[in-house]
């Protein structure tokens, strides 16, 4: 449900023709962005809990398949944490890892 809510909010902002992320131009846009953040945080916490549970219980599948499930869940949590780190930074027009401009040029 949280992913559906977030996708709906992103689609709604796109339908309005405005940015969905890092948009604090009005109270409505700020509220939508905040709700998106809360929903993805809730989903990440739930998925992290599922990852912990996957270590506690045995799967009734081949061991390689069980490891694939755990690895996939761990990648999601890691990616979500990276997203959390991105929103705590001041938005800049550059990509810090590659030191290149995101709006063209090199």
Protein backbone atom coordinates (compact mmCIF):
# COMPACT_ATOMS: atom_id res chain seq x y z
CA UNK A 1 0.00 0.00 0.00
CA UNK A 2 2.81 2.43 0.76
CA UNK A 3 4.39 1.97 -2.67
CA UNK A 4 0.99 2.47 -4.31
CA UNK A 5 0.46 5.69 -2.35
CA UNK A 6 3.89 7.01 -3.28
CA UNK A 7 3.46 6.18 -6.97
CA UNK A 8 0.03 7.84 -6.91
CA UNK A 9 1.51 10.99 -5.38
CA UNK A 10 4.34 11.05 -7.94
CA UNK A 11 1.84 10.55 -10.76
CA UNK A 12 -0.37 13.30 -9.35
CA UNK A 13 2.52 15.73 -9.30
CA UNK A 14 3.43 14.73 -12.86
CA UNK A 15 -0.18 15.27 -13.94
CA UNK A 16 0.01 18.75 -12.43
CA UNK A 17 3.19 19.33 -14.46
CA UNK A 18 5.43 19.97 -11.45
CA UNK A 19 8.36 18.23 -9.78
CA UNK A 20 7.51 15.54 -7.26
CA UNK A 21 10.85 15.33 -5.44
CA UNK A 22 12.61 18.12 -3.55
CA UNK A 23 9.65 20.41 -4.26
CA UNK A 24 9.03 22.79 -1.36
CA UNK A 25 7.64 25.67 -3.42
CA UNK A 26 4.19 25.67 -1.78
CA UNK A 27 2.62 24.21 1.35
CA UNK A 28 0.80 21.60 -0.78
CA UNK A 29 3.97 20.51 -2.59
CA UNK A 30 5.85 20.33 0.71
CA UNK A 31 3.06 18.21 2.26
CA UNK A 32 3.04 15.84 -0.73
CA UNK A 33 6.82 15.47 -0.59
CA UNK A 34 6.66 14.85 3.17
CA UNK A 35 3.97 12.19 2.76
CA UNK A 36 6.08 10.52 0.07
CA UNK A 37 9.04 10.45 2.46
CA UNK A 38 6.99 9.00 5.30
CA UNK A 39 5.53 6.28 3.10
CA UNK A 40 8.90 5.18 1.72
CA UNK A 41 10.35 5.23 5.25
CA UNK A 42 7.52 3.00 6.48
CA UNK A 43 8.03 0.63 3.56
CA UNK A 44 11.80 0.50 4.15
CA UNK A 45 11.31 -0.30 7.83
CA UNK A 46 8.88 -3.09 6.93
CA UNK A 47 11.22 -4.55 4.32
CA UNK A 48 14.18 -4.35 6.75
CA UNK A 49 12.05 -6.26 9.26
CA UNK A 50 11.35 -8.87 6.57
CA UNK A 51 15.09 -9.13 5.93
CA UNK A 52 15.69 -9.84 9.62
CA UNK A 53 12.92 -12.43 9.58
CA UNK A 54 14.45 -14.09 6.52
CA UNK A 55 17.58 -14.82 8.57
CA UNK A 56 15.57 -16.27 11.45
CA UNK A 57 13.44 -18.68 9.45
CA UNK A 58 14.32 -21.33 6.89
CA UNK A 59 12.73 -21.12 3.47
CA UNK A 60 11.16 -24.17 1.89
CA UNK A 61 13.17 -23.57 -1.29
CA UNK A 62 16.62 -24.40 -2.62
CA UNK A 63 19.39 -22.70 -0.63
CA UNK A 64 20.51 -20.61 -3.62
CA UNK A 65 16.97 -19.32 -4.06
CA UNK A 66 16.77 -18.41 -0.35
CA UNK A 67 20.05 -16.50 -0.62
CA UNK A 68 18.71 -14.71 -3.69
CA UNK A 69 15.67 -13.58 -1.73
CA UNK A 70 17.82 -12.31 1.14
CA UNK A 71 20.25 -10.58 -1.23
CA UNK A 72 17.42 -8.88 -3.14
CA UNK A 73 15.81 -7.62 0.06
CA UNK A 74 19.18 -6.37 1.33
CA UNK A 75 19.78 -4.47 -1.93
CA UNK A 76 16.40 -2.78 -1.59
CA UNK A 77 17.15 -1.69 1.98
CA UNK A 78 20.62 -0.45 0.97
CA UNK A 79 19.15 1.52 -1.94
CA UNK A 80 16.47 3.01 0.28
CA UNK A 81 19.10 4.11 2.80
CA UNK A 82 20.99 5.80 -0.04
CA UNK A 83 17.79 7.63 -0.94
CA UNK A 84 17.49 8.74 2.67
CA UNK A 85 21.04 10.08 2.55
CA UNK A 86 20.23 12.02 -0.63
CA UNK A 87 17.31 13.89 0.90
CA UNK A 88 19.41 15.05 3.85
CA UNK A 89 21.82 16.86 1.52
CA UNK A 90 21.38 20.28 -0.03
CA UNK A 91 20.26 19.77 -3.65
CA UNK A 92 22.99 20.75 -6.12
CA UNK A 93 23.11 20.72 -9.91
CA UNK A 94 26.06 18.30 -9.87
CA UNK A 95 26.50 14.59 -9.32
CA UNK A 96 29.10 14.39 -6.50
CA UNK A 97 30.28 10.83 -7.14
CA UNK A 98 31.27 11.49 -10.74
CA UNK A 99 31.86 15.25 -10.35
CA UNK A 100 29.88 16.09 -13.45
CA UNK A 101 27.00 18.44 -14.05
CA UNK A 102 23.52 16.97 -14.13
CA UNK A 103 22.27 19.69 -16.44
CA UNK A 104 24.77 19.20 -19.26
CA UNK A 105 28.43 19.82 -19.77
CA UNK A 106 31.26 17.88 -18.20
